Amino acid sequence: MLVLSRKIEESILIGENIEIKILDVTGDKVQIGITAPKEVTVLRSELKETIEENKSSATGASKDLLQELFGKK
């Protein structure tokens, strides 16, 4: 993991077309701005984990429902 220190209004560039800019630091919270092409998905990690958990639960629930409907348990 690369660890960098930045001050307010300073940026980090990833490749040629992704910029992460520090907008504000208040207490233990940091506000960042991300500029990236529309085709680049930007998600908070906890949101991605929730999506993956929901997909997994839905798949498991679907299997259980099918097994119940067709009497195969």
PDB file of N, CA and C in Angstrom:
ATOM      1  N   MET A   1       0.850  -1.179   0.000  1.00  0.00           N
ATOM      2  CA  MET A   1       0.000   0.000   0.000  1.00  0.00           C
ATOM      3  C   MET A   1       0.892   1.238   0.000  1.00  0.00           C
ATOM      4  N   LEU A   2       0.606   2.133  -0.873  1.00  0.00           N
ATOM      5  CA  LEU A   2       1.296   3.420  -0.925  1.00  0.00           C
ATOM      6  C   LEU A   2       0.574   4.390  -0.003  1.00  0.00           C
ATOM      7  N   VAL A   3       1.301   5.036   0.887  1.00  0.00           N
ATOM      8  CA  VAL A   3       0.716   6.002   1.817  1.00  0.00           C
ATOM      9  C   VAL A   3       1.293   7.370   1.496  1.00  0.00           C
ATOM     10  N   LEU A   4       0.406   8.320   1.232  1.00  0.00           N
ATOM     11  CA  LEU A   4       0.814   9.684   0.901  1.00  0.00           C
ATOM     12  C   LEU A   4       0.156  10.667   1.856  1.00  0.00           C
ATOM     13  N   SER A   5       0.842  11.759   2.144  1.00  0.00           N
ATOM     14  CA  SER A   5       0.255  12.843   2.932  1.00  0.00           C
ATOM     15  C   SER A   5      -0.083  13.981   1.977  1.00  0.00           C
ATOM     16  N   ARG A   6      -1.245  14.567   2.150  1.00  0.00           N
ATOM     17  CA  ARG A   6      -1.689  15.685   1.325  1.00  0.00           C
ATOM     18  C   ARG A   6      -2.329  16.728   2.212  1.00  0.00           C
ATOM     19  N   LYS A   7      -2.262  17.967   1.804  1.00  0.00           N
ATOM     20  CA  LYS A   7      -2.931  19.068   2.497  1.00  0.00           C
ATOM     21  C   LYS A   7      -4.181  19.439   1.704  1.00  0.00           C
ATOM     22  N   ILE A   8      -5.039  20.250   2.325  1.00  0.00           N
ATOM     23  CA  ILE A   8      -6.250  20.718   1.639  1.00  0.00           C
ATOM     24  C   ILE A   8      -5.868  21.368   0.319  1.00  0.00           C
ATOM     25  N   GLU A   9      -6.635  21.038  -0.703  1.00  0.00           N
ATOM     26  CA  GLU A   9      -6.466  21.512  -2.086  1.00  0.00           C
ATOM     27  C   GLU A   9      -5.336  20.808  -2.848  1.00  0.00           C
ATOM     28  N   GLU A  10      -4.620  19.885  -2.208  1.00  0.00           N
ATOM     29  CA  GLU A  10      -3.613  19.118  -2.923  1.00  0.00           C
ATOM     30  C   GLU A  10      -4.254  17.856  -3.497  1.00  0.00           C
ATOM     31  N   SER A  11      -3.641  17.319  -4.546  1.00  0.00           N
ATOM     32  CA  SER A  11      -4.229  16.193  -5.269  1.00  0.00           C
ATOM     33  C   SER A  11      -3.269  15.025  -5.387  1.00  0.00           C
ATOM     34  N   ILE A  12      -3.848  13.899  -5.727  1.00  0.00           N
ATOM     35  CA  ILE A  12      -3.114  12.699  -6.106  1.00  0.00           C
ATOM     36  C   ILE A  12      -3.640  12.304  -7.473  1.00  0.00           C
ATOM     37  N   LEU A  13      -2.755  11.994  -8.401  1.00  0.00           N
ATOM     38  CA  LEU A  13      -3.161  11.562  -9.728  1.00  0.00           C
ATOM     39  C   LEU A  13      -2.945  10.067  -9.865  1.00  0.00           C
ATOM     40  N   ILE A  14      -3.927   9.397 -10.442  1.00  0.00           N
ATOM     41  CA  ILE A  14      -3.823   7.970 -10.741  1.00  0.00           C
ATOM     42  C   ILE A  14      -3.944   7.844 -12.251  1.00  0.00           C
ATOM     43  N   GLY A  15      -2.879   7.409 -12.873  1.00  0.00           N
ATOM     44  CA  GLY A  15      -2.864   7.379 -14.330  1.00  0.00           C
ATOM     45  C   GLY A  15      -2.944   8.801 -14.862  1.00  0.00           C
ATOM     46  N   GLU A  16      -3.517   8.922 -16.032  1.00  0.00           N
ATOM     47  CA  GLU A  16      -3.615  10.237 -16.661  1.00  0.00           C
ATOM     48  C   GLU A  16      -4.963  10.917 -16.461  1.00  0.00           C
ATOM     49  N   ASN A  17      -5.966  10.156 -16.009  1.00  0.00           N
ATOM     50  CA  ASN A  17      -7.297  10.751 -16.002  1.00  0.00           C
ATOM     51  C   ASN A  17      -8.101  10.568 -14.709  1.00  0.00           C
ATOM     52  N   ILE A  18      -7.442  10.199 -13.611  1.00  0.00           N
ATOM     53  CA  ILE A  18      -8.128  10.112 -12.322  1.00  0.00           C
ATOM     54  C   ILE A  18      -7.388  11.002 -11.329  1.00  0.00           C
ATOM     55  N   GLU A  19      -8.144  11.906 -10.713  1.00  0.00           N
ATOM     56  CA  GLU A  19      -7.573  12.828  -9.731  1.00  0.00           C
ATOM     57  C   GLU A  19      -8.355  12.716  -8.431  1.00  0.00           C
ATOM     58  N   ILE A  20      -7.635  12.599  -7.331  1.00  0.00           N
ATOM     59  CA  ILE A  20      -8.239  12.598  -6.004  1.00  0.00           C
ATOM     60  C   ILE A  20      -7.730  13.842  -5.291  1.00  0.00           C
ATOM     61  N   LYS A  21      -8.663  14.704  -4.891  1.00  0.00           N
ATOM     62  CA  LYS A  21      -8.296  15.987  -4.293  1.00  0.00           C
ATOM     63  C   LYS A  21      -8.840  16.079  -2.871  1.00  0.00           C
ATOM     64  N   ILE A  22      -7.998  16.548  -1.956  1.00  0.00           N
ATOM     65  CA  ILE A  22      -8.419  16.753  -0.574  1.00  0.00           C
ATOM     66  C   ILE A  22      -9.165  18.081  -0.506  1.00  0.00           C
ATOM     67  N   LEU A  23     -10.443  18.021  -0.105  1.00  0.00           N
ATOM     68  CA  LEU A  23     -11.274  19.223  -0.071  1.00  0.00           C
ATOM     69  C   LEU A  23     -11.331  19.850   1.322  1.00  0.00           C
ATOM     70  N   ASP A  24     -11.383  18.996   2.363  1.00  0.00           N
ATOM     71  CA  ASP A  24     -11.515  19.531   3.714  1.00  0.00           C
ATOM     72  C   ASP A  24     -11.103  18.468   4.719  1.00  0.00           C
ATOM     73  N   VAL A  25     -10.575  18.895   5.831  1.00  0.00           N
ATOM     74  CA  VAL A  25     -10.256  18.008   6.945  1.00  0.00           C
ATOM     75  C   VAL A  25     -10.845  18.648   8.188  1.00  0.00           C
ATOM     76  N   THR A  26     -11.772  17.940   8.832  1.00  0.00           N
ATOM     77  CA  THR A  26     -12.407  18.429  10.043  1.00  0.00           C
ATOM     78  C   THR A  26     -12.394  17.306  11.067  1.00  0.00           C
ATOM     79  N   GLY A  27     -11.639  17.468  12.124  1.00  0.00           N
ATOM     80  CA  GLY A  27     -11.538  16.412  13.136  1.00  0.00           C
ATOM     81  C   GLY A  27     -10.982  15.149  12.513  1.00  0.00           C
ATOM     82  N   ASP A  28     -11.748  14.058  12.627  1.00  0.00           N
ATOM     83  CA  ASP A  28     -11.294  12.780  12.079  1.00  0.00           C
ATOM     84  C   ASP A  28     -11.920  12.472  10.717  1.00  0.00           C
ATOM     85  N   LYS A  29     -12.529  13.477  10.082  1.00  0.00           N
ATOM     86  CA  LYS A  29     -13.162  13.278   8.777  1.00  0.00           C
ATOM     87  C   LYS A  29     -12.405  14.031   7.684  1.00  0.00           C
ATOM     88  N   VAL A  30     -12.272  13.361   6.558  1.00  0.00           N
ATOM     89  CA  VAL A  30     -11.614  13.951   5.397  1.00  0.00           C
ATOM     90  C   VAL A  30     -12.595  13.928   4.241  1.00  0.00           C
ATOM     91  N   GLN A  31     -12.800  15.074   3.610  1.00  0.00           N
ATOM     92  CA  GLN A  31     -13.635  15.126   2.406  1.00  0.00           C
ATOM     93  C   GLN A  31     -12.715  15.111   1.207  1.00  0.00           C
ATOM     94  N   ILE A  32     -13.019  14.200   0.280  1.00  0.00           N
ATOM     95  CA  ILE A  32     -12.229  14.127  -0.937  1.00  0.00           C
ATOM     96  C   ILE A  32     -13.129  14.312  -2.141  1.00  0.00           C
ATOM     97  N   GLY A  33     -12.552  14.801  -3.210  1.00  0.00           N
ATOM     98  CA  GLY A  33     -13.243  14.906  -4.487  1.00  0.00           C
ATOM     99  C   GLY A  33     -12.529  14.001  -5.470  1.00  0.00           C
ATOM    100  N   ILE A  34     -13.301  13.295  -6.285  1.00  0.00           N
ATOM    101  CA  ILE A  34     -12.712  12.379  -7.259  1.00  0.00           C
ATOM    102  C   ILE A  34     -13.180  12.793  -8.649  1.00  0.00           C
ATOM    103  N   THR A  35     -12.222  13.020  -9.526  1.00  0.00           N
ATOM    104  CA  THR A  35     -12.515  13.301 -10.922  1.00  0.00           C
ATOM    105  C   THR A  35     -12.037  12.096 -11.717  1.00  0.00           C
ATOM    106  N   ALA A  36     -12.972  11.449 -12.414  1.00  0.00           N
ATOM    107  CA  ALA A  36     -12.641  10.256 -13.183  1.00  0.00           C
ATOM    108  C   ALA A  36     -13.592  10.155 -14.371  1.00  0.00           C
ATOM    109  N   PRO A  37     -13.192   9.444 -15.410  1.00  0.00           N
ATOM    110  CA  PRO A  37     -14.084   9.235 -16.549  1.00  0.00           C
ATOM    111  C   PRO A  37     -15.356   8.508 -16.119  1.00  0.00           C
ATOM    112  N   LYS A  38     -16.446   8.719 -16.845  1.00  0.00           N
ATOM    113  CA  LYS A  38     -17.729   8.103 -16.500  1.00  0.00           C
ATOM    114  C   LYS A  38     -17.665   6.580 -16.480  1.00  0.00           C
ATOM    115  N   GLU A  39     -16.804   5.995 -17.303  1.00  0.00           N
ATOM    116  CA  GLU A  39     -16.744   4.531 -17.363  1.00  0.00           C
ATOM    117  C   GLU A  39     -16.006   3.906 -16.179  1.00  0.00           C
ATOM    118  N   VAL A  40     -15.420   4.735 -15.309  1.00  0.00           N
ATOM    119  CA  VAL A  40     -14.741   4.240 -14.112  1.00  0.00           C
ATOM    120  C   VAL A  40     -15.740   4.246 -12.959  1.00  0.00           C
ATOM    121  N   THR A  41     -15.952   3.073 -12.357  1.00  0.00           N
ATOM    122  CA  THR A  41     -16.857   2.966 -11.222  1.00  0.00           C
ATOM    123  C   THR A  41     -16.124   3.389  -9.955  1.00  0.00           C
ATOM    124  N   VAL A  42     -16.757   4.271  -9.189  1.00  0.00           N
ATOM    125  CA  VAL A  42     -16.186   4.721  -7.917  1.00  0.00           C
ATOM    126  C   VAL A  42     -17.205   4.387  -6.831  1.00  0.00           C
ATOM    127  N   LEU A  43     -16.822   3.494  -5.905  1.00  0.00           N
ATOM    128  CA  LEU A  43     -17.707   3.081  -4.818  1.00  0.00           C
ATOM    129  C   LEU A  43     -16.967   3.130  -3.493  1.00  0.00           C
ATOM    130  N   ARG A  44     -17.697   3.438  -2.428  1.00  0.00           N
ATOM    131  CA  ARG A  44     -17.140   3.279  -1.091  1.00  0.00           C
ATOM    132  C   ARG A  44     -16.994   1.782  -0.839  1.00  0.00           C
ATOM    133  N   SER A  45     -15.944   1.372  -0.163  1.00  0.00           N
ATOM    134  CA  SER A  45     -15.694  -0.059   0.043  1.00  0.00           C
ATOM    135  C   SER A  45     -16.839  -0.746   0.790  1.00  0.00           C
ATOM    136  N   GLU A  46     -17.419  -0.075   1.777  1.00  0.00           N
ATOM    137  CA  GLU A  46     -18.511  -0.707   2.522  1.00  0.00           C
ATOM    138  C   GLU A  46     -19.747  -0.901   1.659  1.00  0.00           C
ATOM    139  N   LEU A  47     -19.962  -0.030   0.680  1.00  0.00           N
ATOM    140  CA  LEU A  47     -21.086  -0.195  -0.234  1.00  0.00           C
ATOM    141  C   LEU A  47     -20.853  -1.402  -1.138  1.00  0.00           C
ATOM    142  N   LYS A  48     -19.643  -1.565  -1.615  1.00  0.00           N
ATOM    143  CA  LYS A  48     -19.311  -2.721  -2.459  1.00  0.00           C
ATOM    144  C   LYS A  48     -19.506  -4.014  -1.674  1.00  0.00           C
ATOM    145  N   GLU A  49     -19.077  -4.035  -0.416  1.00  0.00           N
ATOM    146  CA  GLU A  49     -19.254  -5.225   0.423  1.00  0.00           C
ATOM    147  C   GLU A  49     -20.735  -5.544   0.611  1.00  0.00           C
ATOM    148  N   THR A  50     -21.558  -4.522   0.835  1.00  0.00           N
ATOM    149  CA  THR A  50     -22.992  -4.724   1.004  1.00  0.00           C
ATOM    150  C   THR A  50     -23.611  -5.295  -0.263  1.00  0.00           C
ATOM    151  N   ILE A  51     -23.220  -4.754  -1.419  1.00  0.00           N
ATOM    152  CA  ILE A  51     -23.731  -5.245  -2.699  1.00  0.00           C
ATOM    153  C   ILE A  51     -23.368  -6.723  -2.878  1.00  0.00           C
ATOM    154  N   GLU A  52     -22.111  -7.066  -2.589  1.00  0.00           N
ATOM    155  CA  GLU A  52     -21.668  -8.459  -2.731  1.00  0.00           C
ATOM    156  C   GLU A  52     -22.411  -9.383  -1.772  1.00  0.00           C
ATOM    157  N   GLU A  53     -22.645  -8.930  -0.539  1.00  0.00           N
ATOM    158  CA  GLU A  53     -23.380  -9.736   0.432  1.00  0.00           C
ATOM    159  C   GLU A  53     -24.816  -9.944  -0.036  1.00  0.00           C
ATOM    160  N   ASN A  54     -25.439  -8.889  -0.576  1.00  0.00           N
ATOM    161  CA  ASN A  54     -26.811  -9.004  -1.058  1.00  0.00           C
ATOM    162  C   ASN A  54     -26.905  -9.960  -2.241  1.00  0.00           C
ATOM    163  N   LYS A  55     -25.932  -9.908  -3.135  1.00  0.00           N
ATOM    164  CA  LYS A  55     -25.918 -10.834  -4.271  1.00  0.00           C
ATOM    165  C   LYS A  55     -25.795 -12.266  -3.775  1.00  0.00           C
ATOM    166  N   SER A  56     -24.914 -12.479  -2.813  1.00  0.00           N
ATOM    167  CA  SER A  56     -24.698 -13.811  -2.261  1.00  0.00           C
ATOM    168  C   SER A  56     -25.961 -14.317  -1.571  1.00  0.00           C
ATOM    169  N   SER A  57     -26.598 -13.459  -0.789  1.00  0.00           N
ATOM    170  CA  SER A  57     -27.830 -13.839  -0.094  1.00  0.00           C
ATOM    171  C   SER A  57     -28.938 -14.146  -1.084  1.00  0.00           C
ATOM    172  N   ALA A  58     -29.048 -13.320  -2.119  1.00  0.00           N
ATOM    173  CA  ALA A  58     -30.093 -13.520  -3.124  1.00  0.00           C
ATOM    174  C   ALA A  58     -29.877 -14.838  -3.855  1.00  0.00           C
ATOM    175  N   THR A  59     -28.649 -15.152  -4.175  1.00  0.00           N
ATOM    176  CA  THR A  59     -28.350 -16.404  -4.858  1.00  0.00           C
ATOM    177  C   THR A  59     -28.700 -17.588  -3.967  1.00  0.00           C
ATOM    178  N   GLY A  60     -28.307 -17.517  -2.694  1.00  0.00           N
ATOM    179  CA  GLY A  60     -28.618 -18.583  -1.753  1.00  0.00           C
ATOM    180  C   GLY A  60     -30.118 -18.735  -1.550  1.00  0.00           C
ATOM    181  N   ALA A  61     -30.823 -17.611  -1.431  1.00  0.00           N
ATOM    182  CA  ALA A  61     -32.268 -17.639  -1.242  1.00  0.00           C
ATOM    183  C   ALA A  61     -32.945 -18.219  -2.476  1.00  0.00           C
ATOM    184  N   SER A  62     -32.461 -17.882  -3.661  1.00  0.00           N
ATOM    185  CA  SER A  62     -33.036 -18.405  -4.898  1.00  0.00           C
ATOM    186  C   SER A  62     -32.873 -19.914  -4.971  1.00  0.00           C
ATOM    187  N   LYS A  63     -31.692 -20.408  -4.604  1.00  0.00           N
ATOM    188  CA  LYS A  63     -31.459 -21.852  -4.612  1.00  0.00           C
ATOM    189  C   LYS A  63     -32.400 -22.546  -3.640  1.00  0.00           C
ATOM    190  N   ASP A  64     -32.514 -21.978  -2.423  1.00  0.00           N
ATOM    191  CA  ASP A  64     -33.399 -22.577  -1.422  1.00  0.00           C
ATOM    192  C   ASP A  64     -34.835 -22.598  -1.904  1.00  0.00           C
ATOM    193  N   LEU A  65     -35.282 -21.518  -2.517  1.00  0.00           N
ATOM    194  CA  LEU A  65     -36.648 -21.434  -3.015  1.00  0.00           C
ATOM    195  C   LEU A  65     -36.885 -22.465  -4.110  1.00  0.00           C
ATOM    196  N   LEU A  66     -35.958 -22.588  -5.027  1.00  0.00           N
ATOM    197  CA  LEU A  66     -36.092 -23.585  -6.098  1.00  0.00           C
ATOM    198  C   LEU A  66     -36.133 -25.000  -5.536  1.00  0.00           C
ATOM    199  N   GLN A  67     -35.260 -25.273  -4.566  1.00  0.00           N
ATOM    200  CA  GLN A  67     -35.247 -26.600  -3.959  1.00  0.00           C
ATOM    201  C   GLN A  67     -36.563 -26.878  -3.245  1.00  0.00           C
ATOM    202  N   GLU A  68     -37.101 -25.859  -2.580  1.00  0.00           N
ATOM    203  CA  GLU A  68     -38.370 -26.012  -1.881  1.00  0.00           C
ATOM    204  C   GLU A  68     -39.508 -26.245  -2.868  1.00  0.00           C
ATOM    205  N   LEU A  69     -39.518 -25.485  -3.947  1.00  0.00           N
ATOM    206  CA  LEU A  69     -40.581 -25.615  -4.941  1.00  0.00           C
ATOM    207  C   LEU A  69     -40.576 -26.985  -5.622  1.00  0.00           C
ATOM    208  N   PHE A  70     -39.386 -27.492  -5.865  1.00  0.00           N
ATOM    209  CA  PHE A  70     -39.272 -28.759  -6.578  1.00  0.00           C
ATOM    210  C   PHE A  70     -39.027 -29.941  -5.644  1.00  0.00           C
ATOM    211  N   GLY A  71     -39.105 -29.721  -4.344  1.00  0.00           N
ATOM    212  CA  GLY A  71     -38.999 -30.793  -3.368  1.00  0.00           C
ATOM    213  C   GLY A  71     -37.644 -31.458  -3.313  1.00  0.00           C
ATOM    214  N   LYS A  72     -36.600 -30.744  -3.650  1.00  0.00           N
ATOM    215  CA  LYS A  72     -35.252 -31.326  -3.632  1.00  0.00           C
ATOM    216  C   LYS A  72     -34.427 -30.626  -2.573  1.00  0.00           C
ATOM    217  N   LYS A  73     -34.382 -31.176  -1.404  1.00  0.00           N
ATOM    218  CA  LYS A  73     -33.567 -30.593  -0.326  1.00  0.00           C
ATOM    219  C   LYS A  73     -32.504 -31.523   0.108  1.00  0.00           C
TER     220      LYS A  73
END
